[in-house]
Amino acid sequence: MRKYQAVALVVLLGFAAVAIAYAKDKEKASPGRMLTGKVLDRHDNPLPDAVVYLSNTRTRAVKSYIIGADGAYHFPELSPNIDYEVYAQYKGQKSDTKTISQFDDRKQVNIILRIDAK
């Protein structure tokens, strides 16, 4: 009887170890969240060559993205535990600054940045 209990215990410990390893791998595989959007003028036209700035509010590190013809930008793999600020600049004009909160639990955040360009 003890022999069967020992075997059952070893099997259960094996399953537990596999489950823990699987959970850790899932955590590592999570790429965080993604920020996407467009930079548009007041008439909803894309502003190619505008520059989008993304600032980590904790470290103040800044990433930038130069807009293509479609006006779209994206910043992948953002930490879900940090607030970010994003804004765009185009020919000396600046959009409003938008904040992405760590309390916003969406995996993908889409923000339209508008610049009153002429």
PDB file of N, CA and C in Angstrom:
ATOM      1  N   MET A   1       0.822  -1.191   0.000  1.00  0.00           N
ATOM      2  CA  MET A   1       0.000   0.000   0.000  1.00  0.00           C
ATOM      3  C   MET A   1       0.867   1.256   0.000  1.00  0.00           C
ATOM      4  N   ARG A   2       1.910   1.298   0.834  1.00  0.00           N
ATOM      5  CA  ARG A   2       2.793   2.463   0.891  1.00  0.00           C
ATOM      6  C   ARG A   2       3.500   2.676  -0.443  1.00  0.00           C
ATOM      7  N   LYS A   3       3.784   1.598  -1.121  1.00  0.00           N
ATOM      8  CA  LYS A   3       4.459   1.691  -2.401  1.00  0.00           C
ATOM      9  C   LYS A   3       3.585   2.467  -3.390  1.00  0.00           C
ATOM     10  N   TYR A   4       2.292   2.201  -3.405  1.00  0.00           N
ATOM     11  CA  TYR A   4       1.366   2.892  -4.307  1.00  0.00           C
ATOM     12  C   TYR A   4       1.212   4.363  -3.917  1.00  0.00           C
ATOM     13  N   GLN A   5       1.213   4.631  -2.624  1.00  0.00           N
ATOM     14  CA  GLN A   5       1.127   6.020  -2.165  1.00  0.00           C
ATOM     15  C   GLN A   5       2.371   6.806  -2.579  1.00  0.00           C
ATOM     16  N   ALA A   6       3.523   6.184  -2.474  1.00  0.00           N
ATOM     17  CA  ALA A   6       4.764   6.853  -2.862  1.00  0.00           C
ATOM     18  C   ALA A   6       4.769   7.140  -4.366  1.00  0.00           C
ATOM     19  N   VAL A   7       4.322   6.166  -5.151  1.00  0.00           N
ATOM     20  CA  VAL A   7       4.264   6.360  -6.608  1.00  0.00           C
ATOM     21  C   VAL A   7       3.269   7.476  -6.939  1.00  0.00           C
ATOM     22  N   ALA A   8       2.114   7.485  -6.304  1.00  0.00           N
ATOM     23  CA  ALA A   8       1.102   8.524  -6.543  1.00  0.00           C
ATOM     24  C   ALA A   8       1.650   9.899  -6.174  1.00  0.00           C
ATOM     25  N   LEU A   9       2.393   9.975  -5.077  1.00  0.00           N
ATOM     26  CA  LEU A   9       2.980  11.246  -4.650  1.00  0.00           C
ATOM     27  C   LEU A   9       4.005  11.736  -5.679  1.00  0.00           C
ATOM     28  N   VAL A  10       4.836  10.840  -6.177  1.00  0.00           N
ATOM     29  CA  VAL A  10       5.835  11.222  -7.180  1.00  0.00           C
ATOM     30  C   VAL A  10       5.148  11.715  -8.454  1.00  0.00           C
ATOM     31  N   VAL A  11       4.094  11.032  -8.872  1.00  0.00           N
ATOM     32  CA  VAL A  11       3.355  11.443 -10.072  1.00  0.00           C
ATOM     33  C   VAL A  11       2.719  12.814  -9.861  1.00  0.00           C
ATOM     34  N   LEU A  12       2.110  13.052  -8.713  1.00  0.00           N
ATOM     35  CA  LEU A  12       1.500  14.353  -8.435  1.00  0.00           C
ATOM     36  C   LEU A  12       2.534  15.464  -8.395  1.00  0.00           C
ATOM     37  N   LEU A  13       3.695  15.207  -7.794  1.00  0.00           N
ATOM     38  CA  LEU A  13       4.764  16.203  -7.767  1.00  0.00           C
ATOM     39  C   LEU A  13       5.265  16.500  -9.178  1.00  0.00           C
ATOM     40  N   GLY A  14       5.320  15.494 -10.009  1.00  0.00           N
ATOM     41  CA  GLY A  14       5.726  15.688 -11.404  1.00  0.00           C
ATOM     42  C   GLY A  14       4.743  16.587 -12.148  1.00  0.00           C
ATOM     43  N   PHE A  15       3.440  16.333 -11.957  1.00  0.00           N
ATOM     44  CA  PHE A  15       2.418  17.178 -12.583  1.00  0.00           C
ATOM     45  C   PHE A  15       2.508  18.614 -12.079  1.00  0.00           C
ATOM     46  N   ALA A  16       2.751  18.780 -10.794  1.00  0.00           N
ATOM     47  CA  ALA A  16       2.861  20.124 -10.223  1.00  0.00           C
ATOM     48  C   ALA A  16       4.059  20.861 -10.824  1.00  0.00           C
ATOM     49  N   ALA A  17       5.174  20.185 -10.978  1.00  0.00           N
ATOM     50  CA  ALA A  17       6.369  20.819 -11.548  1.00  0.00           C
ATOM     51  C   ALA A  17       6.117  21.240 -12.994  1.00  0.00           C
ATOM     52  N   VAL A  18       5.447  20.391 -13.753  1.00  0.00           N
ATOM     53  CA  VAL A  18       5.126  20.725 -15.148  1.00  0.00           C
ATOM     54  C   VAL A  18       4.181  21.925 -15.197  1.00  0.00           C
ATOM     55  N   ALA A  19       3.192  21.956 -14.338  1.00  0.00           N
ATOM     56  CA  ALA A  19       2.237  23.066 -14.315  1.00  0.00           C
ATOM     57  C   ALA A  19       2.924  24.387 -13.965  1.00  0.00           C
ATOM     58  N   ILE A  20       3.825  24.372 -13.016  1.00  0.00           N
ATOM     59  CA  ILE A  20       4.558  25.590 -12.626  1.00  0.00           C
ATOM     60  C   ILE A  20       5.442  26.067 -13.773  1.00  0.00           C
ATOM     61  N   ALA A  21       6.138  25.137 -14.421  1.00  0.00           N
ATOM     62  CA  ALA A  21       7.000  25.511 -15.552  1.00  0.00           C
ATOM     63  C   ALA A  21       6.169  26.088 -16.691  1.00  0.00           C
ATOM     64  N   TYR A  22       4.997  25.503 -16.956  1.00  0.00           N
ATOM     65  CA  TYR A  22       4.115  26.001 -18.019  1.00  0.00           C
ATOM     66  C   TYR A  22       3.635  27.414 -17.695  1.00  0.00           C
ATOM     67  N   ALA A  23       3.263  27.666 -16.452  1.00  0.00           N
ATOM     68  CA  ALA A  23       2.797  28.993 -16.053  1.00  0.00           C
ATOM     69  C   ALA A  23       3.909  30.032 -16.202  1.00  0.00           C
ATOM     70  N   LYS A  24       5.124  29.689 -15.853  1.00  0.00           N
ATOM     71  CA  LYS A  24       6.248  30.630 -15.999  1.00  0.00           C
ATOM     72  C   LYS A  24       6.528  30.920 -17.464  1.00  0.00           C
ATOM     73  N   ASP A  25       6.445  29.896 -18.315  1.00  0.00           N
ATOM     74  CA  ASP A  25       6.651  30.100 -19.753  1.00  0.00           C
ATOM     75  C   ASP A  25       5.570  31.005 -20.332  1.00  0.00           C
ATOM     76  N   LYS A  26       4.335  30.860 -19.885  1.00  0.00           N
ATOM     77  CA  LYS A  26       3.243  31.714 -20.362  1.00  0.00           C
ATOM     78  C   LYS A  26       3.496  33.158 -19.970  1.00  0.00           C
ATOM     79  N   GLU A  27       4.004  33.398 -18.755  1.00  0.00           N
ATOM     80  CA  GLU A  27       4.313  34.762 -18.313  1.00  0.00           C
ATOM     81  C   GLU A  27       5.386  35.377 -19.198  1.00  0.00           C
ATOM     82  N   LYS A  28       6.436  34.618 -19.508  1.00  0.00           N
ATOM     83  CA  LYS A  28       7.524  35.123 -20.335  1.00  0.00           C
ATOM     84  C   LYS A  28       7.056  35.388 -21.759  1.00  0.00           C
ATOM     85  N   ALA A  29       6.119  34.587 -22.259  1.00  0.00           N
ATOM     86  CA  ALA A  29       5.648  34.718 -23.628  1.00  0.00           C
ATOM     87  C   ALA A  29       4.736  35.930 -23.803  1.00  0.00           C
ATOM     88  N   SER A  30       4.196  36.451 -22.734  1.00  0.00           N
ATOM     89  CA  SER A  30       3.303  37.594 -22.828  1.00  0.00           C
ATOM     90  C   SER A  30       4.087  38.825 -23.268  1.00  0.00           C
ATOM     91  N   PRO A  31       3.787  39.352 -24.468  1.00  0.00           N
ATOM     92  CA  PRO A  31       4.576  40.463 -24.974  1.00  0.00           C
ATOM     93  C   PRO A  31       4.177  41.811 -24.391  1.00  0.00           C
ATOM     94  N   GLY A  32       3.282  41.852 -23.448  1.00  0.00           N
ATOM     95  CA  GLY A  32       2.838  43.131 -22.912  1.00  0.00           C
ATOM     96  C   GLY A  32       1.715  43.683 -23.757  1.00  0.00           C
ATOM     97  N   ARG A  33       1.607  44.994 -23.786  1.00  0.00           N
ATOM     98  CA  ARG A  33       0.540  45.574 -24.586  1.00  0.00           C
ATOM     99  C   ARG A  33       1.111  46.351 -25.764  1.00  0.00           C
ATOM    100  N   MET A  34       0.219  46.683 -26.674  1.00  0.00           N
ATOM    101  CA  MET A  34       0.613  47.349 -27.918  1.00  0.00           C
ATOM    102  C   MET A  34      -0.124  48.678 -28.008  1.00  0.00           C
ATOM    103  N   LEU A  35       0.613  49.722 -28.373  1.00  0.00           N
ATOM    104  CA  LEU A  35       0.025  51.035 -28.645  1.00  0.00           C
ATOM    105  C   LEU A  35       0.036  51.242 -30.146  1.00  0.00           C
ATOM    106  N   THR A  36      -1.123  51.517 -30.712  1.00  0.00           N
ATOM    107  CA  THR A  36      -1.244  51.810 -32.137  1.00  0.00           C
ATOM    108  C   THR A  36      -2.039  53.090 -32.301  1.00  0.00           C
ATOM    109  N   GLY A  37      -1.989  53.638 -33.492  1.00  0.00           N
ATOM    110  CA  GLY A  37      -2.788  54.825 -33.758  1.00  0.00           C
ATOM    111  C   GLY A  37      -2.391  55.474 -35.057  1.00  0.00           C
ATOM    112  N   LYS A  38      -2.897  56.689 -35.247  1.00  0.00           N
ATOM    113  CA  LYS A  38      -2.595  57.476 -36.443  1.00  0.00           C
ATOM    114  C   LYS A  38      -2.344  58.912 -36.037  1.00  0.00           C
ATOM    115  N   VAL A  39      -1.578  59.600 -36.869  1.00  0.00           N
ATOM    116  CA  VAL A  39      -1.380  61.031 -36.715  1.00  0.00           C
ATOM    117  C   VAL A  39      -2.126  61.687 -37.873  1.00  0.00           C
ATOM    118  N   LEU A  40      -3.116  62.520 -37.531  1.00  0.00           N
ATOM    119  CA  LEU A  40      -3.994  63.116 -38.529  1.00  0.00           C
ATOM    120  C   LEU A  40      -4.049  64.629 -38.369  1.00  0.00           C
ATOM    121  N   ASP A  41      -4.388  65.309 -39.469  1.00  0.00           N
ATOM    122  CA  ASP A  41      -4.625  66.751 -39.384  1.00  0.00           C
ATOM    123  C   ASP A  41      -6.094  66.986 -39.026  1.00  0.00           C
ATOM    124  N   ARG A  42      -6.515  68.230 -39.002  1.00  0.00           N
ATOM    125  CA  ARG A  42      -7.894  68.545 -38.583  1.00  0.00           C
ATOM    126  C   ARG A  42      -8.948  68.053 -39.569  1.00  0.00           C
ATOM    127  N   HIS A  43      -8.526  67.667 -40.781  1.00  0.00           N
ATOM    128  CA  HIS A  43      -9.454  67.141 -41.790  1.00  0.00           C
ATOM    129  C   HIS A  43      -9.343  65.618 -41.925  1.00  0.00           C
ATOM    130  N   ASP A  44      -8.735  64.976 -40.952  1.00  0.00           N
ATOM    131  CA  ASP A  44      -8.541  63.521 -40.916  1.00  0.00           C
ATOM    132  C   ASP A  44      -7.615  62.992 -42.002  1.00  0.00           C
ATOM    133  N   ASN A  45      -6.715  63.830 -42.492  1.00  0.00           N
ATOM    134  CA  ASN A  45      -5.704  63.386 -43.447  1.00  0.00           C
ATOM    135  C   ASN A  45      -4.456  62.960 -42.678  1.00  0.00           C
ATOM    136  N   PRO A  46      -3.813  61.855 -43.105  1.00  0.00           N
ATOM    137  CA  PRO A  46      -2.574  61.442 -42.424  1.00  0.00           C
ATOM    138  C   PRO A  46      -1.466  62.473 -42.638  1.00  0.00           C
ATOM    139  N   LEU A  47      -0.576  62.556 -41.675  1.00  0.00           N
ATOM    140  CA  LEU A  47       0.551  63.482 -41.746  1.00  0.00           C
ATOM    141  C   LEU A  47       1.858  62.691 -41.862  1.00  0.00           C
ATOM    142  N   PRO A  48       2.227  62.317 -43.115  1.00  0.00           N
ATOM    143  CA  PRO A  48       3.488  61.582 -43.289  1.00  0.00           C
ATOM    144  C   PRO A  48       4.660  62.418 -42.795  1.00  0.00           C
ATOM    145  N   ASP A  49       5.641  61.755 -42.265  1.00  0.00           N
ATOM    146  CA  ASP A  49       6.870  62.356 -41.732  1.00  0.00           C
ATOM    147  C   ASP A  49       6.680  63.034 -40.377  1.00  0.00           C
ATOM    148  N   ALA A  50       5.488  62.957 -39.809  1.00  0.00           N
ATOM    149  CA  ALA A  50       5.321  63.401 -38.423  1.00  0.00           C
ATOM    150  C   ALA A  50       6.110  62.438 -37.539  1.00  0.00           C
ATOM    151  N   VAL A  51       6.471  62.882 -36.365  1.00  0.00           N
ATOM    152  CA  VAL A  51       7.215  62.034 -35.437  1.00  0.00           C
ATOM    153  C   VAL A  51       6.385  61.857 -34.167  1.00  0.00           C
ATOM    154  N   VAL A  52       6.209  60.607 -33.752  1.00  0.00           N
ATOM    155  CA  VAL A  52       5.483  60.285 -32.520  1.00  0.00           C
ATOM    156  C   VAL A  52       6.516  59.973 -31.443  1.00  0.00           C
ATOM    157  N   TYR A  53       6.317  60.550 -30.266  1.00  0.00           N
ATOM    158  CA  TYR A  53       7.203  60.326 -29.124  1.00  0.00           C
ATOM    159  C   TYR A  53       6.440  59.602 -28.025  1.00  0.00           C
ATOM    160  N   LEU A  54       7.031  58.542 -27.511  1.00  0.00           N
ATOM    161  CA  LEU A  54       6.449  57.760 -26.422  1.00  0.00           C
ATOM    162  C   LEU A  54       7.412  57.821 -25.244  1.00  0.00           C
ATOM    163  N   SER A  55       6.920  58.312 -24.112  1.00  0.00           N
ATOM    164  CA  SER A  55       7.761  58.489 -22.929  1.00  0.00           C
ATOM    165  C   SER A  55       7.301  57.572 -21.804  1.00  0.00           C
ATOM    166  N   ASN A  56       8.246  56.817 -21.250  1.00  0.00           N
ATOM    167  CA  ASN A  56       8.014  56.002 -20.072  1.00  0.00           C
ATOM    168  C   ASN A  56       8.035  56.966 -18.879  1.00  0.00           C
ATOM    169  N   THR A  57       6.924  57.095 -18.155  1.00  0.00           N
ATOM    170  CA  THR A  57       6.853  58.085 -17.078  1.00  0.00           C
ATOM    171  C   THR A  57       7.697  57.706 -15.865  1.00  0.00           C
ATOM    172  N   ARG A  58       8.087  56.458 -15.755  1.00  0.00           N
ATOM    173  CA  ARG A  58       8.906  56.026 -14.617  1.00  0.00           C
ATOM    174  C   ARG A  58      10.388  56.345 -14.863  1.00  0.00           C
ATOM    175  N   THR A  59      10.888  55.970 -16.049  1.00  0.00           N
ATOM    176  CA  THR A  59      12.313  56.150 -16.332  1.00  0.00           C
ATOM    177  C   THR A  59      12.596  57.397 -17.171  1.00  0.00           C
ATOM    178  N   ARG A  60      11.566  57.946 -17.764  1.00  0.00           N
ATOM    179  CA  ARG A  60      11.652  59.097 -18.682  1.00  0.00           C
ATOM    180  C   ARG A  60      12.352  58.738 -19.991  1.00  0.00           C
ATOM    181  N   ALA A  61      12.547  57.447 -20.255  1.00  0.00           N
ATOM    182  CA  ALA A  61      13.100  57.004 -21.536  1.00  0.00           C
ATOM    183  C   ALA A  61      12.080  57.313 -22.637  1.00  0.00           C
ATOM    184  N   VAL A  62      12.579  57.767 -23.792  1.00  0.00           N
ATOM    185  CA  VAL A  62      11.696  58.159 -24.890  1.00  0.00           C
ATOM    186  C   VAL A  62      12.010  57.327 -26.128  1.00  0.00           C
ATOM    187  N   LYS A  63      10.949  56.824 -26.764  1.00  0.00           N
ATOM    188  CA  LYS A  63      11.065  56.142 -28.050  1.00  0.00           C
ATOM    189  C   LYS A  63      10.376  57.030 -29.080  1.00  0.00           C
ATOM    190  N   SER A  64      10.834  56.973 -30.318  1.00  0.00           N
ATOM    191  CA  SER A  64      10.189  57.766 -31.362  1.00  0.00           C
ATOM    192  C   SER A  64       9.849  56.880 -32.555  1.00  0.00           C
ATOM    193  N   TYR A  65       8.893  57.354 -33.355  1.00  0.00           N
ATOM    194  CA  TYR A  65       8.431  56.618 -34.518  1.00  0.00           C
ATOM    195  C   TYR A  65       8.126  57.632 -35.611  1.00  0.00           C
ATOM    196  N   ILE A  66       8.729  57.480 -36.788  1.00  0.00           N
ATOM    197  CA  ILE A  66       8.474  58.387 -37.903  1.00  0.00           C
ATOM    198  C   ILE A  66       7.324  57.818 -38.730  1.00  0.00           C
ATOM    199  N   ILE A  67       6.313  58.639 -38.937  1.00  0.00           N
ATOM    200  CA  ILE A  67       5.085  58.214 -39.603  1.00  0.00           C
ATOM    201  C   ILE A  67       5.309  58.051 -41.105  1.00  0.00           C
ATOM    202  N   GLY A  68       4.722  57.000 -41.666  1.00  0.00           N
ATOM    203  CA  GLY A  68       4.751  56.773 -43.109  1.00  0.00           C
ATOM    204  C   GLY A  68       3.558  57.429 -43.787  1.00  0.00           C
ATOM    205  N   ALA A  69       3.325  57.073 -45.028  1.00  0.00           N
ATOM    206  CA  ALA A  69       2.269  57.689 -45.844  1.00  0.00           C
ATOM    207  C   ALA A  69       0.868  57.464 -45.285  1.00  0.00           C
ATOM    208  N   ASP A  70       0.663  56.344 -44.574  1.00  0.00           N
ATOM    209  CA  ASP A  70      -0.680  56.042 -44.059  1.00  0.00           C
ATOM    210  C   ASP A  70      -0.985  56.735 -42.733  1.00  0.00           C
ATOM    211  N   GLY A  71       0.010  57.371 -42.124  1.00  0.00           N
ATOM    212  CA  GLY A  71      -0.194  58.083 -40.862  1.00  0.00           C
ATOM    213  C   GLY A  71      -0.184  57.199 -39.632  1.00  0.00           C
ATOM    214  N   ALA A  72       0.045  55.890 -39.808  1.00  0.00           N
ATOM    215  CA  ALA A  72      -0.048  54.944 -38.694  1.00  0.00           C
ATOM    216  C   ALA A  72       1.268  54.816 -37.933  1.00  0.00           C
ATOM    217  N   TYR A  73       1.148  54.495 -36.655  1.00  0.00           N
ATOM    218  CA  TYR A  73       2.312  54.205 -35.820  1.00  0.00           C
ATOM    219  C   TYR A  73       1.971  53.037 -34.905  1.00  0.00           C
ATOM    220  N   HIS A  74       2.999  52.397 -34.373  1.00  0.00           N
ATOM    221  CA  HIS A  74       2.784  51.329 -33.383  1.00  0.00           C
ATOM    222  C   HIS A  74       4.023  51.195 -32.499  1.00  0.00           C
ATOM    223  N   PHE A  75       3.753  50.917 -31.240  1.00  0.00           N
ATOM    224  CA  PHE A  75       4.796  50.636 -30.251  1.00  0.00           C
ATOM    225  C   PHE A  75       4.417  49.316 -29.585  1.00  0.00           C
ATOM    226  N   PRO A  76       5.100  48.211 -29.928  1.00  0.00           N
ATOM    227  CA  PRO A  76       4.769  46.907 -29.329  1.00  0.00           C
ATOM    228  C   PRO A  76       5.475  46.680 -28.001  1.00  0.00           C
ATOM    229  N   GLU A  77       5.020  45.678 -27.299  1.00  0.00           N
ATOM    230  CA  GLU A  77       5.651  45.159 -26.087  1.00  0.00           C
ATOM    231  C   GLU A  77       5.857  46.200 -24.991  1.00  0.00           C
ATOM    232  N   LEU A  78       4.822  46.982 -24.728  1.00  0.00           N
ATOM    233  CA  LEU A  78       4.891  47.946 -23.629  1.00  0.00           C
ATOM    234  C   LEU A  78       4.564  47.249 -22.316  1.00  0.00           C
ATOM    235  N   SER A  79       5.249  47.630 -21.269  1.00  0.00           N
ATOM    236  CA  SER A  79       5.008  47.033 -19.963  1.00  0.00           C
ATOM    237  C   SER A  79       3.607  47.400 -19.477  1.00  0.00           C
ATOM    238  N   PRO A  80       2.852  46.435 -18.968  1.00  0.00           N
ATOM    239  CA  PRO A  80       1.525  46.754 -18.447  1.00  0.00           C
ATOM    240  C   PRO A  80       1.567  47.448 -17.086  1.00  0.00           C
ATOM    241  N   ASN A  81       2.742  47.544 -16.469  1.00  0.00           N
ATOM    242  CA  ASN A  81       2.871  48.109 -15.121  1.00  0.00           C
ATOM    243  C   ASN A  81       3.442  49.519 -15.114  1.00  0.00           C
ATOM    244  N   ILE A  82       3.454  50.178 -16.258  1.00  0.00           N
ATOM    245  CA  ILE A  82       4.042  51.510 -16.370  1.00  0.00           C
ATOM    246  C   ILE A  82       3.079  52.424 -17.111  1.00  0.00           C
ATOM    247  N   ASP A  83       3.022  53.692 -16.703  1.00  0.00           N
ATOM    248  CA  ASP A  83       2.273  54.709 -17.441  1.00  0.00           C
ATOM    249  C   ASP A  83       3.169  55.242 -18.550  1.00  0.00           C
ATOM    250  N   TYR A  84       2.550  55.591 -19.678  1.00  0.00           N
ATOM    251  CA  TYR A  84       3.273  56.170 -20.809  1.00  0.00           C
ATOM    252  C   TYR A  84       2.568  57.446 -21.245  1.00  0.00           C
ATOM    253  N   GLU A  85       3.337  58.364 -21.820  1.00  0.00           N
ATOM    254  CA  GLU A  85       2.785  59.563 -22.434  1.00  0.00           C
ATOM    255  C   GLU A  85       3.180  59.537 -23.904  1.00  0.00           C
ATOM    256  N   VAL A  86       2.230  59.927 -24.768  1.00  0.00           N
ATOM    257  CA  VAL A  86       2.487  59.912 -26.202  1.00  0.00           C
ATOM    258  C   VAL A  86       1.997  61.216 -26.818  1.00  0.00           C
ATOM    259  N   TYR A  87       2.790  61.745 -27.766  1.00  0.00           N
ATOM    260  CA  TYR A  87       2.382  62.931 -28.525  1.00  0.00           C
ATOM    261  C   TYR A  87       3.103  62.898 -29.866  1.00  0.00           C
ATOM    262  N   ALA A  88       2.647  63.754 -30.788  1.00  0.00           N
ATOM    263  CA  ALA A  88       3.260  63.820 -32.111  1.00  0.00           C
ATOM    264  C   ALA A  88       3.660  65.255 -32.424  1.00  0.00           C
ATOM    265  N   GLN A  89       4.672  65.381 -33.290  1.00  0.00           N
ATOM    266  CA  GLN A  89       5.099  66.688 -33.789  1.00  0.00           C
ATOM    267  C   GLN A  89       5.182  66.636 -35.308  1.00  0.00           C
ATOM    268  N   TYR A  90       4.794  67.772 -35.928  1.00  0.00           N
ATOM    269  CA  TYR A  90       4.830  67.876 -37.378  1.00  0.00           C
ATOM    270  C   TYR A  90       5.067  69.330 -37.761  1.00  0.00           C
ATOM    271  N   LYS A  91       6.176  69.599 -38.404  1.00  0.00           N
ATOM    272  CA  LYS A  91       6.520  70.944 -38.881  1.00  0.00           C
ATOM    273  C   LYS A  91       6.318  72.012 -37.812  1.00  0.00           C
ATOM    274  N   GLY A  92       6.858  71.766 -36.633  1.00  0.00           N
ATOM    275  CA  GLY A  92       6.787  72.742 -35.544  1.00  0.00           C
ATOM    276  C   GLY A  92       5.489  72.736 -34.754  1.00  0.00           C
ATOM    277  N   GLN A  93       4.506  71.979 -35.178  1.00  0.00           N
ATOM    278  CA  GLN A  93       3.224  71.862 -34.468  1.00  0.00           C
ATOM    279  C   GLN A  93       3.249  70.598 -33.608  1.00  0.00           C
ATOM    280  N   LYS A  94       2.509  70.626 -32.503  1.00  0.00           N
ATOM    281  CA  LYS A  94       2.496  69.492 -31.575  1.00  0.00           C
ATOM    282  C   LYS A  94       1.056  69.104 -31.259  1.00  0.00           C
ATOM    283  N   SER A  95       0.806  67.802 -31.147  1.00  0.00           N
ATOM    284  CA  SER A  95      -0.507  67.310 -30.725  1.00  0.00           C
ATOM    285  C   SER A  95      -0.640  67.433 -29.213  1.00  0.00           C
ATOM    286  N   ASP A  96      -1.838  67.208 -28.715  1.00  0.00           N
ATOM    287  CA  ASP A  96      -2.017  67.083 -27.270  1.00  0.00           C
ATOM    288  C   ASP A  96      -1.280  65.829 -26.798  1.00  0.00           C
ATOM    289  N   THR A  97      -0.833  65.840 -25.560  1.00  0.00           N
ATOM    290  CA  THR A  97      -0.186  64.669 -24.972  1.00  0.00           C
ATOM    291  C   THR A  97      -1.264  63.778 -24.363  1.00  0.00           C
ATOM    292  N   LYS A  98      -1.217  62.508 -24.704  1.00  0.00           N
ATOM    293  CA  LYS A  98      -2.158  61.512 -24.185  1.00  0.00           C
ATOM    294  C   LYS A  98      -1.415  60.568 -23.250  1.00  0.00           C
ATOM    295  N   THR A  99      -2.120  60.076 -22.247  1.00  0.00           N
ATOM    296  CA  THR A  99      -1.533  59.163 -21.272  1.00  0.00           C
ATOM    297  C   THR A  99      -2.138  57.775 -21.415  1.00  0.00           C
ATOM    298  N   ILE A 100      -1.268  56.761 -21.377  1.00  0.00           N
ATOM    299  CA  ILE A 100      -1.698  55.367 -21.326  1.00  0.00           C
ATOM    300  C   ILE A 100      -1.429  54.895 -19.908  1.00  0.00           C
ATOM    301  N   SER A 101      -2.482  54.631 -19.166  1.00  0.00           N
ATOM    302  CA  SER A 101      -2.364  54.293 -17.754  1.00  0.00           C
ATOM    303  C   SER A 101      -2.083  52.812 -17.545  1.00  0.00           C
ATOM    304  N   GLN A 102      -1.318  52.521 -16.506  1.00  0.00           N
ATOM    305  CA  GLN A 102      -1.081  51.130 -16.134  1.00  0.00           C
ATOM    306  C   GLN A 102      -2.367  50.456 -15.657  1.00  0.00           C
ATOM    307  N   PHE A 103      -3.372  51.243 -15.319  1.00  0.00           N
ATOM    308  CA  PHE A 103      -4.642  50.685 -14.861  1.00  0.00           C
ATOM    309  C   PHE A 103      -5.582  50.370 -16.022  1.00  0.00           C
ATOM    310  N   ASP A 104      -5.198  50.753 -17.232  1.00  0.00           N
ATOM    311  CA  ASP A 104      -5.939  50.404 -18.437  1.00  0.00           C
ATOM    312  C   ASP A 104      -5.497  48.994 -18.825  1.00  0.00           C
ATOM    313  N   ASP A 105      -6.385  48.017 -18.693  1.00  0.00           N
ATOM    314  CA  ASP A 105      -5.986  46.623 -18.883  1.00  0.00           C
ATOM    315  C   ASP A 105      -6.152  46.112 -20.314  1.00  0.00           C
ATOM    316  N   ARG A 106      -6.392  46.997 -21.268  1.00  0.00           N
ATOM    317  CA  ARG A 106      -6.498  46.554 -22.656  1.00  0.00           C
ATOM    318  C   ARG A 106      -5.129  46.104 -23.164  1.00  0.00           C
ATOM    319  N   LYS A 107      -5.118  45.032 -23.949  1.00  0.00           N
ATOM    320  CA  LYS A 107      -3.868  44.539 -24.539  1.00  0.00           C
ATOM    321  C   LYS A 107      -3.432  45.414 -25.705  1.00  0.00           C
ATOM    322  N   GLN A 108      -4.406  46.034 -26.393  1.00  0.00           N
ATOM    323  CA  GLN A 108      -4.065  46.935 -27.486  1.00  0.00           C
ATOM    324  C   GLN A 108      -4.798  48.252 -27.273  1.00  0.00           C
ATOM    325  N   VAL A 109      -4.046  49.335 -27.249  1.00  0.00           N
ATOM    326  CA  VAL A 109      -4.589  50.677 -27.061  1.00  0.00           C
ATOM    327  C   VAL A 109      -4.393  51.425 -28.374  1.00  0.00           C
ATOM    328  N   ASN A 110      -5.466  52.065 -28.862  1.00  0.00           N
ATOM    329  CA  ASN A 110      -5.406  52.813 -30.109  1.00  0.00           C
ATOM    330  C   ASN A 110      -5.663  54.281 -29.804  1.00  0.00           C
ATOM    331  N   ILE A 111      -4.738  55.150 -30.186  1.00  0.00           N
ATOM    332  CA  ILE A 111      -4.864  56.587 -29.914  1.00  0.00           C
ATOM    333  C   ILE A 111      -4.632  57.367 -31.200  1.00  0.00           C
ATOM    334  N   ILE A 112      -5.588  58.200 -31.564  1.00  0.00           N
ATOM    335  CA  ILE A 112      -5.460  59.116 -32.697  1.00  0.00           C
ATOM    336  C   ILE A 112      -4.861  60.415 -32.156  1.00  0.00           C
ATOM    337  N   LEU A 113      -3.758  60.851 -32.752  1.00  0.00           N
ATOM    338  CA  LEU A 113      -3.111  62.120 -32.376  1.00  0.00           C
ATOM    339  C   LEU A 113      -3.414  63.122 -33.483  1.00  0.00           C
ATOM    340  N   ARG A 114      -3.991  64.256 -33.107  1.00  0.00           N
ATOM    341  CA  ARG A 114      -4.361  65.279 -34.082  1.00  0.00           C
ATOM    342  C   ARG A 114      -3.470  66.498 -33.945  1.00  0.00           C
ATOM    343  N   ILE A 115      -3.028  66.983 -35.108  1.00  0.00           N
ATOM    344  CA  ILE A 115      -2.216  68.192 -35.167  1.00  0.00           C
ATOM    345  C   ILE A 115      -2.913  69.169 -36.102  1.00  0.00           C
ATOM    346  N   ASP A 116      -3.059  70.389 -35.669  1.00  0.00           N
ATOM    347  CA  ASP A 116      -3.725  71.422 -36.465  1.00  0.00           C
ATOM    348  C   ASP A 116      -2.744  71.965 -37.507  1.00  0.00           C
ATOM    349  N   ALA A 117      -2.373  71.104 -38.458  1.00  0.00           N
ATOM    350  CA  ALA A 117      -1.396  71.484 -39.485  1.00  0.00           C
ATOM    351  C   ALA A 117      -2.120  72.157 -40.647  1.00  0.00           C
ATOM    352  N   LYS A 118      -1.421  73.075 -41.302  1.00  0.00           N
ATOM    353  CA  LYS A 118      -2.023  73.796 -42.440  1.00  0.00           C
ATOM    354  C   LYS A 118      -1.517  73.273 -43.746  1.00  0.00           C
TER     355      LYS A 118
END
